[in-house]
């Protein structure tokens, strides 16, 4: 019989057990952080009817979808968790309570070109707050508080949450009479550090045929710098008489005020007027989060405010604000740059080794330890004692309990600390007390 070569598809991540243990721990910490803020879990199907997912897709997104047919049904793998959320809220509108605070952690699929740190199958960890008709701006300030709590729980220290407001940008472009060129302008502004201010101005003048007045307005805006409060003051002093712009500045000011009330430190967030993500989707506050020492890897968490979550599925106005962590990419990056270590090779706290053929005492002890929430495994294979200890050492199991004739007679267990190389005898009660410290 011809053997099939075992291989994993490009763009799909498989982990060894030691890596999967750490990945699961990160997922658990993110979940715990979300729940600490009162977000409710939901889980939507990985496969949806194509017309449901395609309602909002288009352009590059539609090219990346995994589509297939089953019988008469056209089906698609979900490409994010936001579109399924929109369907979910529209479908269960009468059964959920607003504002609806939900989180979802799950796999999504995009058939884009696989590259280092970019995957075709990956986990996203999303939170969203959905309002019924309206949603208080204070919710926009709570999202960075969740971000801060989450990344601190993952052991990250030097990170920064960048905040902007799309109304400010849109109002600026309206005031400068260049609204129709806004996408190109923002794309050019993003390159200013690489190509320099003079080149950017030349592109505005020669390629986009912008007037000197329009160019001055844009340049004055992108040159705003200083502390958070100084940036807000400069935004207010630009004398831009545009209703949308002024509304954006007020919203940004309100968000900053409440971020501080949520006790997010000043050095953990900043106003970044260059953020222009989601030009056709986000309508207010926008977020990007960066590791300060590794900004070249890009944003590790992003999100923002949108006016109408489920307009493709219902006539009801459902504004929302949310954010998403690409966990698969984040795990890969943190592991790659050494900020996390996948050195935990087992989830067992203790390994029980029996020196007698009858395993009943070993199973009894294991039952007692597990009842006390101590992760316990028994070595069942008939091998020499050296091989059994080698197994524990290789998996870095911290403790080994040896049960032989003497232990059965005395009622005391021999427990060895694999890190210290010491061992002692004690009762099962003392063992439980020791391992639960």
Protein backbone atom coordinates (compact mmCIF):
# COMPACT_ATOMS: atom_id res chain seq x y z
CA UNK A 1 0.00 0.00 0.00
CA UNK A 2 1.36 3.44 -0.97
CA UNK A 3 1.87 5.74 1.99
CA UNK A 4 0.53 9.30 1.90
CA UNK A 5 3.06 11.96 2.82
CA UNK A 6 1.82 13.62 6.04
CA UNK A 7 1.92 17.40 5.64
CA UNK A 8 0.00 20.44 6.79
CA UNK A 9 -1.46 22.85 4.25
CA UNK A 10 0.38 26.13 3.79
CA UNK A 11 -1.15 28.89 5.92
CA UNK A 12 -2.56 26.51 8.54
CA UNK A 13 -0.85 26.39 11.93
CA UNK A 14 -0.34 23.17 13.86
CA UNK A 15 1.37 23.25 17.24
CA UNK A 16 3.29 20.74 19.27
CA UNK A 17 1.74 19.98 22.68
CA UNK A 18 4.07 22.34 24.57
CA UNK A 19 3.12 25.17 22.20
CA UNK A 20 -0.58 24.28 22.35
CA UNK A 21 -0.51 24.43 26.15
CA UNK A 22 0.75 28.03 25.99
CA UNK A 23 -1.69 28.93 23.20
CA UNK A 24 -4.58 27.61 25.32
CA UNK A 25 -3.34 29.55 28.35
CA UNK A 26 -3.31 32.77 26.30
CA UNK A 27 -6.83 32.03 25.07
CA UNK A 28 -8.01 31.39 28.63
CA UNK A 29 -6.50 34.68 29.85
CA UNK A 30 -8.17 36.62 27.05
CA UNK A 31 -11.50 34.95 27.83
CA UNK A 32 -11.13 35.72 31.56
CA UNK A 33 -10.33 39.36 30.79
CA UNK A 34 -13.39 39.72 28.55
CA UNK A 35 -15.64 38.12 31.14
CA UNK A 36 -14.24 40.40 33.86
CA UNK A 37 -15.88 43.28 31.98
CA UNK A 38 -19.19 41.44 31.71
CA UNK A 39 -19.04 40.36 28.07
CA UNK A 40 -21.23 37.36 27.25
CA UNK A 41 -19.97 34.44 25.13
CA UNK A 42 -21.53 33.43 21.85
CA UNK A 43 -20.46 30.93 19.22
CA UNK A 44 -21.61 31.13 15.61
CA UNK A 45 -21.23 28.40 12.94
CA UNK A 46 -17.96 28.18 11.02
CA UNK A 47 -20.04 27.52 7.88
CA UNK A 48 -22.84 29.87 6.84
CA UNK A 49 -25.10 30.18 3.82
CA UNK A 50 -23.15 32.11 1.19
CA UNK A 51 -25.84 34.77 0.74
CA UNK A 52 -25.60 35.58 4.45
CA UNK A 53 -21.83 36.09 4.50
CA UNK A 54 -21.62 37.60 1.03
CA UNK A 55 -24.18 40.29 1.91
CA UNK A 56 -21.35 42.45 3.22
CA UNK A 57 -18.37 41.05 1.35
CA UNK A 58 -16.79 42.58 -1.71
CA UNK A 59 -13.50 43.43 -3.38
CA UNK A 60 -10.47 41.61 -1.98
CA UNK A 61 -12.49 39.99 0.82
CA UNK A 62 -14.75 38.18 -1.62
CA UNK A 63 -11.74 36.85 -3.53
CA UNK A 64 -10.39 35.32 -0.31
CA UNK A 65 -13.52 33.38 0.68
CA UNK A 66 -13.64 29.60 0.87
CA UNK A 67 -16.84 28.63 -0.97
CA UNK A 68 -18.28 25.20 -1.69
CA UNK A 69 -21.59 23.54 -2.49
CA UNK A 70 -23.37 20.71 -0.71
CA UNK A 71 -26.42 19.50 -2.58
CA UNK A 72 -28.42 22.61 -3.50
CA UNK A 73 -26.76 24.78 -0.83
CA UNK A 74 -24.05 27.35 -1.49
CA UNK A 75 -21.88 27.54 1.63
CA UNK A 76 -18.98 29.70 2.81
CA UNK A 77 -16.47 29.49 5.66
CA UNK A 78 -16.70 32.61 7.84
CA UNK A 79 -13.91 35.12 7.11
CA UNK A 80 -14.35 37.16 10.31
CA UNK A 81 -16.54 37.20 13.43
CA UNK A 82 -18.26 40.53 12.74
CA UNK A 83 -20.53 39.51 9.87
CA UNK A 84 -21.76 36.43 11.80
CA UNK A 85 -22.38 38.76 14.77
CA UNK A 86 -24.49 41.01 12.54
CA UNK A 87 -26.57 38.03 11.44
CA UNK A 88 -26.83 36.81 15.05
CA UNK A 89 -28.07 40.15 16.43
CA UNK A 90 -30.59 40.55 13.61
CA UNK A 91 -31.85 36.98 14.05
CA UNK A 92 -32.15 37.07 17.85
CA UNK A 93 -33.02 40.76 18.21
CA UNK A 94 -36.13 40.05 20.31
CA UNK A 95 -34.31 37.61 22.61
CA UNK A 96 -31.13 39.48 23.54
CA UNK A 97 -30.74 42.45 25.91
CA UNK A 98 -29.29 45.76 24.72
CA UNK A 99 -26.72 47.07 24.98
CA UNK A 100 -25.57 43.62 23.90
CA UNK A 101 -22.05 42.91 25.16
CA UNK A 102 -20.66 39.84 23.47
CA UNK A 103 -17.32 38.14 23.02
CA UNK A 104 -16.41 35.36 20.65
CA UNK A 105 -13.20 33.39 20.24
CA UNK A 106 -13.09 31.21 17.16
CA UNK A 107 -11.43 30.26 13.89
CA UNK A 108 -11.93 32.22 10.70
CA UNK A 109 -10.75 31.49 7.16
CA UNK A 110 -9.25 33.67 4.43
CA UNK A 111 -7.72 32.30 1.27
CA UNK A 112 -5.04 34.97 1.01
CA UNK A 113 -1.41 34.33 0.14
CA UNK A 114 0.22 32.58 3.07
CA UNK A 115 3.31 34.32 4.45
CA UNK A 116 5.32 34.44 7.64
CA UNK A 117 2.98 35.37 10.49
CA UNK A 118 -0.06 35.45 8.19
CA UNK A 119 -2.38 32.47 8.14
CA UNK A 120 -5.37 31.23 6.14
CA UNK A 121 -6.93 29.67 9.23
CA UNK A 122 -6.60 31.66 12.42
CA UNK A 123 -8.26 32.47 15.74
CA UNK A 124 -9.85 35.84 16.37
CA UNK A 125 -10.84 37.07 19.83
CA UNK A 126 -13.53 39.71 19.44
CA UNK A 127 -15.60 41.89 21.75
CA UNK A 128 -18.43 44.18 20.67
CA UNK A 129 -21.00 46.36 22.41
CA UNK A 130 -24.13 46.77 20.30
CA UNK A 131 -26.75 49.42 21.00
CA UNK A 132 -30.40 49.50 19.99
CA UNK A 133 -30.80 52.81 18.15
CA UNK A 134 -28.00 54.57 20.05
CA UNK A 135 -24.86 53.75 22.06
CA UNK A 136 -23.21 56.01 24.64
CA UNK A 137 -19.74 57.29 23.68
CA UNK A 138 -18.40 56.08 27.07
CA UNK A 139 -18.48 52.57 25.61
CA UNK A 140 -15.74 53.70 23.21
CA UNK A 141 -13.56 54.47 26.24
CA UNK A 142 -14.17 51.11 27.88
CA UNK A 143 -12.76 49.17 24.90
CA UNK A 144 -9.18 50.47 25.51
CA UNK A 145 -9.63 49.54 29.19
CA UNK A 146 -10.39 45.97 28.11
CA UNK A 147 -7.39 46.04 25.76
CA UNK A 148 -5.13 47.22 28.57
CA UNK A 149 -6.39 44.60 31.02
CA UNK A 150 -6.09 41.85 28.41
CA UNK A 151 -2.53 42.56 27.32
CA UNK A 152 -1.37 43.01 30.91
CA UNK A 153 -2.87 39.60 31.73
CA UNK A 154 -0.81 38.13 28.86
CA UNK A 155 2.35 39.46 30.50
CA UNK A 156 2.95 42.25 27.98
CA UNK A 157 4.27 45.51 29.38
CA UNK A 158 5.53 47.92 26.74
CA UNK A 159 2.54 48.43 24.47
CA UNK A 160 0.53 51.44 23.34
CA UNK A 161 -3.13 51.83 22.33
CA UNK A 162 -3.40 54.38 19.52
CA UNK A 163 -6.72 56.22 19.20
CA UNK A 164 -8.27 58.44 16.57
CA UNK A 165 -11.73 59.40 15.32
CA UNK A 166 -12.85 58.96 11.72
CA UNK A 167 -15.13 62.02 11.96
CA UNK A 168 -12.04 64.21 12.43
CA UNK A 169 -10.45 62.90 9.25
CA UNK A 170 -13.65 62.99 7.21
CA UNK A 171 -14.42 66.51 8.44
CA UNK A 172 -10.89 67.64 7.62
CA UNK A 173 -11.17 66.32 4.06
CA UNK A 174 -14.57 68.01 3.65
CA UNK A 175 -13.17 71.31 4.91
CA UNK A 176 -10.19 71.03 2.53
CA UNK A 177 -12.49 70.13 -0.42
CA UNK A 178 -10.65 66.83 -1.04
CA UNK A 179 -13.19 64.32 0.27
CA UNK A 180 -13.20 62.32 -2.97
CA UNK A 181 -9.41 61.88 -2.73
CA UNK A 182 -9.36 60.96 0.97
CA UNK A 183 -8.24 57.34 0.46
CA UNK A 184 -5.29 58.35 -1.73
CA UNK A 185 -4.35 61.18 0.63
CA UNK A 186 -4.30 58.92 3.68
CA UNK A 187 -2.27 56.33 1.79
CA UNK A 188 0.28 59.04 0.97
CA UNK A 189 0.32 60.39 4.53
CA UNK A 190 1.11 56.88 5.78
CA UNK A 191 4.38 57.07 3.80
CA UNK A 192 5.52 60.44 5.18
CA UNK A 193 8.20 58.92 7.46
CA UNK A 194 9.70 57.06 4.49
CA UNK A 195 9.48 59.65 1.72
CA UNK A 196 9.51 62.90 3.71
CA UNK A 197 7.21 65.90 4.02
CA UNK A 198 8.38 67.69 0.84
CA UNK A 199 7.69 64.64 -1.34
CA UNK A 200 4.23 64.25 0.21
CA UNK A 201 3.45 67.92 -0.57
CA UNK A 202 4.68 67.42 -4.15
CA UNK A 203 2.36 64.42 -4.58
CA UNK A 204 -0.57 66.44 -3.21
CA UNK A 205 0.17 69.26 -5.66
CA UNK A 206 1.20 67.41 -8.82
CA UNK A 207 -0.67 64.09 -8.63
CA UNK A 208 -3.83 65.05 -6.74
CA UNK A 209 -4.03 68.65 -8.07
CA UNK A 210 -4.80 69.99 -4.58
CA UNK A 211 -4.90 73.73 -3.96
CA UNK A 212 -2.34 75.41 -1.72
CA UNK A 213 -5.05 76.11 0.87
CA UNK A 214 -6.07 72.43 0.96
CA UNK A 215 -2.45 71.29 1.20
CA UNK A 216 -1.78 73.70 4.08
CA UNK A 217 -4.81 72.42 6.00
CA UNK A 218 -3.71 68.77 5.62
CA UNK A 219 -0.04 69.47 6.42
CA UNK A 220 -0.92 71.57 9.49
CA UNK A 221 -3.09 68.68 10.66
CA UNK A 222 -0.52 65.89 10.20
CA UNK A 223 2.18 67.98 11.94
CA UNK A 224 0.17 68.08 15.19
CA UNK A 225 2.29 66.60 18.00
CA UNK A 226 2.69 66.75 21.76
CA UNK A 227 0.93 65.20 24.73
CA UNK A 228 -2.62 63.89 24.56
CA UNK A 229 -4.06 67.15 25.91
CA UNK A 230 -1.82 69.25 23.66
CA UNK A 231 -3.02 67.36 20.59
CA UNK A 232 -6.65 67.98 21.53
CA UNK A 233 -5.93 71.68 22.07
CA UNK A 234 -4.21 71.92 18.67
CA UNK A 235 -7.11 70.14 16.99
CA UNK A 236 -9.47 72.71 18.49
CA UNK A 237 -7.24 75.62 17.48
CA UNK A 238 -6.99 74.71 13.77
CA UNK A 239 -10.09 76.83 13.11
CA UNK A 240 -11.68 74.19 10.91
CA UNK A 241 -15.33 75.20 10.67
CA UNK A 242 -16.80 71.82 9.82
CA UNK A 243 -19.57 70.22 11.86
CA UNK A 244 -18.30 66.65 11.38
CA UNK A 245 -14.74 67.63 12.33
CA UNK A 246 -15.85 69.45 15.49
CA UNK A 247 -18.06 66.51 16.50
CA UNK A 248 -15.10 64.15 16.09
CA UNK A 249 -12.85 66.32 18.26
CA UNK A 250 -15.50 66.44 21.00
CA UNK A 251 -15.95 62.67 20.87
CA UNK A 252 -12.20 62.12 21.05
CA UNK A 253 -11.98 64.48 24.03
CA UNK A 254 -14.80 62.58 25.79
CA UNK A 255 -13.19 59.20 25.09
CA UNK A 256 -9.83 60.35 26.49
CA UNK A 257 -11.54 61.70 29.62
CA UNK A 258 -13.18 58.35 30.35
CA UNK A 259 -10.15 56.23 29.43
CA UNK A 260 -8.42 58.01 32.29
CA UNK A 261 -11.37 57.27 34.58
CA UNK A 262 -10.92 53.57 33.71
CA UNK A 263 -7.37 53.90 35.14
CA UNK A 264 -5.57 53.20 31.87
CA UNK A 265 -2.10 54.75 32.40
CA UNK A 266 -1.10 57.76 30.30
CA UNK A 267 1.85 55.88 28.79
CA UNK A 268 -0.43 53.04 27.62
CA UNK A 269 -2.51 55.12 25.17
CA UNK A 270 -2.05 58.04 22.82
CA UNK A 271 -3.91 60.03 20.19
CA UNK A 272 -2.63 59.02 16.76
CA UNK A 273 -4.13 61.20 14.01
CA UNK A 274 -2.64 59.02 11.26
CA UNK A 275 -4.92 56.06 11.97
CA UNK A 276 -7.40 55.77 9.13
CA UNK A 277 -8.43 52.12 9.32
CA UNK A 278 -11.77 51.02 7.97
CA UNK A 279 -12.40 54.00 5.73
CA UNK A 280 -15.68 52.51 4.51
CA UNK A 281 -16.76 50.88 7.78
CA UNK A 282 -15.75 52.73 10.94
CA UNK A 283 -17.59 55.98 11.59
CA UNK A 284 -16.12 57.28 14.85
CA UNK A 285 -13.47 56.11 17.30
CA UNK A 286 -10.77 53.82 15.87
CA UNK A 287 -8.03 51.86 17.65
CA UNK A 288 -4.70 50.25 16.82
CA UNK A 289 -2.43 48.62 19.41
CA UNK A 290 1.33 48.29 18.99
CA UNK A 291 4.23 46.71 20.85
CA UNK A 292 6.47 49.74 21.33
CA UNK A 293 9.69 47.79 20.82
CA UNK A 294 8.38 45.96 17.75
CA UNK A 295 6.27 48.47 15.80
CA UNK A 296 7.47 46.98 12.51
CA UNK A 297 5.24 43.94 13.06
CA UNK A 298 2.17 46.19 12.86
CA UNK A 299 -0.96 46.36 14.96
CA UNK A 300 -1.70 43.42 17.29
CA UNK A 301 -5.24 44.55 18.09
CA UNK A 302 -7.62 46.89 16.28
CA UNK A 303 -11.22 48.02 16.17
CA UNK A 304 -13.55 50.96 16.33
CA UNK A 305 -17.05 52.45 16.29
CA UNK A 306 -19.54 51.73 13.51
CA UNK A 307 -23.00 53.17 12.91
CA UNK A 308 -24.89 50.24 11.51
CA UNK A 309 -23.90 46.68 12.34
CA UNK A 310 -26.70 44.76 10.68
CA UNK A 311 -28.01 46.99 7.89
CA UNK A 312 -27.81 44.10 5.43
CA UNK A 313 -30.15 41.98 7.55
CA UNK A 314 -32.58 44.35 9.30
CA UNK A 315 -34.01 47.88 9.15
CA UNK A 316 -33.20 48.44 12.82
CA UNK A 317 -30.32 50.81 13.57
CA UNK A 318 -27.73 48.91 15.61
CA UNK A 319 -24.62 51.02 16.31
CA UNK A 320 -21.66 49.34 17.94
CA UNK A 321 -18.06 49.51 19.03
CA UNK A 322 -15.59 46.66 19.31
CA UNK A 323 -12.13 45.30 18.84
CA UNK A 324 -10.41 42.13 17.67
CA UNK A 325 -7.20 40.33 18.60
CA UNK A 326 -5.76 37.99 15.96
CA UNK A 327 -4.62 35.37 18.45
CA UNK A 328 -2.88 33.03 16.00
CA UNK A 329 -0.76 35.84 14.57
CA UNK A 330 -0.11 37.32 18.04
CA UNK A 331 1.02 33.93 19.36
CA UNK A 332 3.33 33.42 16.38
CA UNK A 333 4.86 36.88 16.73
CA UNK A 334 5.38 36.75 20.52
CA UNK A 335 6.90 33.28 20.24
CA UNK A 336 9.09 34.35 17.32
CA UNK A 337 10.55 37.40 19.09
CA UNK A 338 10.92 35.54 22.39
CA UNK A 339 8.40 37.48 24.49
CA UNK A 340 6.71 34.20 25.42
CA UNK A 341 8.30 30.81 25.98
CA UNK A 342 6.74 27.47 25.07
CA UNK A 343 8.68 25.52 27.67
CA UNK A 344 5.75 23.92 29.51
CA UNK A 345 5.58 20.43 28.01
CA UNK A 346 2.90 18.95 30.23
CA UNK A 347 -0.15 20.16 32.11
CA UNK A 348 0.28 17.50 34.80
CA UNK A 349 1.25 18.66 38.29
CA UNK A 350 2.23 15.18 39.36
CA UNK A 351 3.02 11.77 37.86
CA UNK A 352 2.22 8.64 39.87
CA UNK A 353 4.61 5.72 39.44
CA UNK A 354 3.55 2.35 40.80
CA UNK A 355 6.22 -0.12 41.97
CA UNK A 356 3.68 -2.92 42.28
CA UNK A 357 1.61 -4.71 39.67
CA UNK A 358 -1.69 -3.91 41.38
CA UNK A 359 -2.54 -0.32 40.36
CA UNK A 360 -5.57 0.07 42.62
CA UNK A 361 -3.71 2.21 45.19
CA UNK A 362 -2.26 4.43 42.45
CA UNK A 363 -5.70 4.96 40.95
CA UNK A 364 -7.15 5.71 44.41
CA UNK A 365 -4.47 8.35 45.06
CA UNK A 366 -4.96 9.85 41.60
CA UNK A 367 -8.71 10.12 42.24
CA UNK A 368 -8.10 11.98 45.50
CA UNK A 369 -5.61 14.38 43.91
CA UNK A 370 -7.91 15.13 40.96
CA UNK A 371 -10.81 15.73 43.36
CA UNK A 372 -8.60 18.44 44.87
CA UNK A 373 -8.03 20.03 41.42
CA UNK A 374 -4.49 18.69 41.05
CA UNK A 375 -3.68 17.60 37.49
CA UNK A 376 -2.53 14.01 37.84
CA UNK A 377 -1.48 11.24 35.50
CA UNK A 378 -0.46 7.63 36.16
CA UNK A 379 2.34 5.87 34.31
CA UNK A 380 0.78 2.59 33.17
CA UNK A 381 3.44 1.06 30.91
CA UNK A 382 5.55 -1.75 32.33
CA UNK A 383 9.02 -0.23 32.12
CA UNK A 384 12.03 0.18 34.36
CA UNK A 385 11.87 2.86 37.05
CA UNK A 386 14.59 4.87 35.27
CA UNK A 387 12.46 5.10 32.10
CA UNK A 388 9.45 6.24 34.15
CA UNK A 389 11.42 9.03 35.81
CA UNK A 390 12.90 9.98 32.43
CA UNK A 391 9.33 10.40 31.11
CA UNK A 392 8.53 12.84 33.94
CA UNK A 393 11.79 14.70 33.41
CA UNK A 394 11.29 15.01 29.66
CA UNK A 395 7.80 16.48 30.10
CA UNK A 396 9.00 18.65 33.00
CA UNK A 397 6.34 17.29 35.36
CA UNK A 398 7.28 18.97 38.66
CA UNK A 399 6.44 16.13 41.09
CA UNK A 400 6.53 12.33 41.03
CA UNK A 401 4.72 10.17 43.60
CA UNK A 402 6.12 6.67 44.03
CA UNK A 403 3.82 3.97 45.41
CA UNK A 404 5.37 0.62 46.41
CA UNK A 405 4.82 -2.02 49.08
CA UNK A 406 6.27 0.21 51.81
CA UNK A 407 3.97 3.12 50.89
CA UNK A 408 0.91 0.86 50.84
CA UNK A 409 1.75 -0.56 54.29
CA UNK A 410 2.64 2.76 55.94
CA UNK A 411 -0.06 4.85 54.29
CA UNK A 412 2.58 7.49 53.48
CA UNK A 413 3.41 8.51 49.94
CA UNK A 414 6.90 9.16 48.62
CA UNK A 415 6.90 12.42 46.68
CA UNK A 416 9.90 13.65 44.71
CA UNK A 417 10.44 17.27 43.71
CA UNK A 418 11.87 16.92 40.19
CA UNK A 419 13.25 20.46 40.14
CA UNK A 420 15.03 20.28 43.50
CA UNK A 421 15.90 16.58 43.33
CA UNK A 422 14.63 16.06 46.90
CA UNK A 423 12.05 13.60 48.16
CA UNK A 424 10.06 13.05 51.35
CA UNK A 425 7.27 10.88 52.71
CA UNK A 426 3.93 12.31 53.76
CA UNK A 427 0.22 11.55 53.99
CA UNK A 428 -2.14 12.15 51.07
CA UNK A 429 -3.57 15.13 52.99
CA UNK A 430 -0.09 16.70 53.27
CA UNK A 431 0.58 15.99 49.58
CA UNK A 432 -2.64 17.80 48.63
CA UNK A 433 -1.73 20.71 50.90
CA UNK A 434 1.77 20.89 49.36
CA UNK A 435 0.61 20.77 45.74
CA UNK A 436 -2.21 23.27 46.26
CA UNK A 437 0.07 25.97 47.69
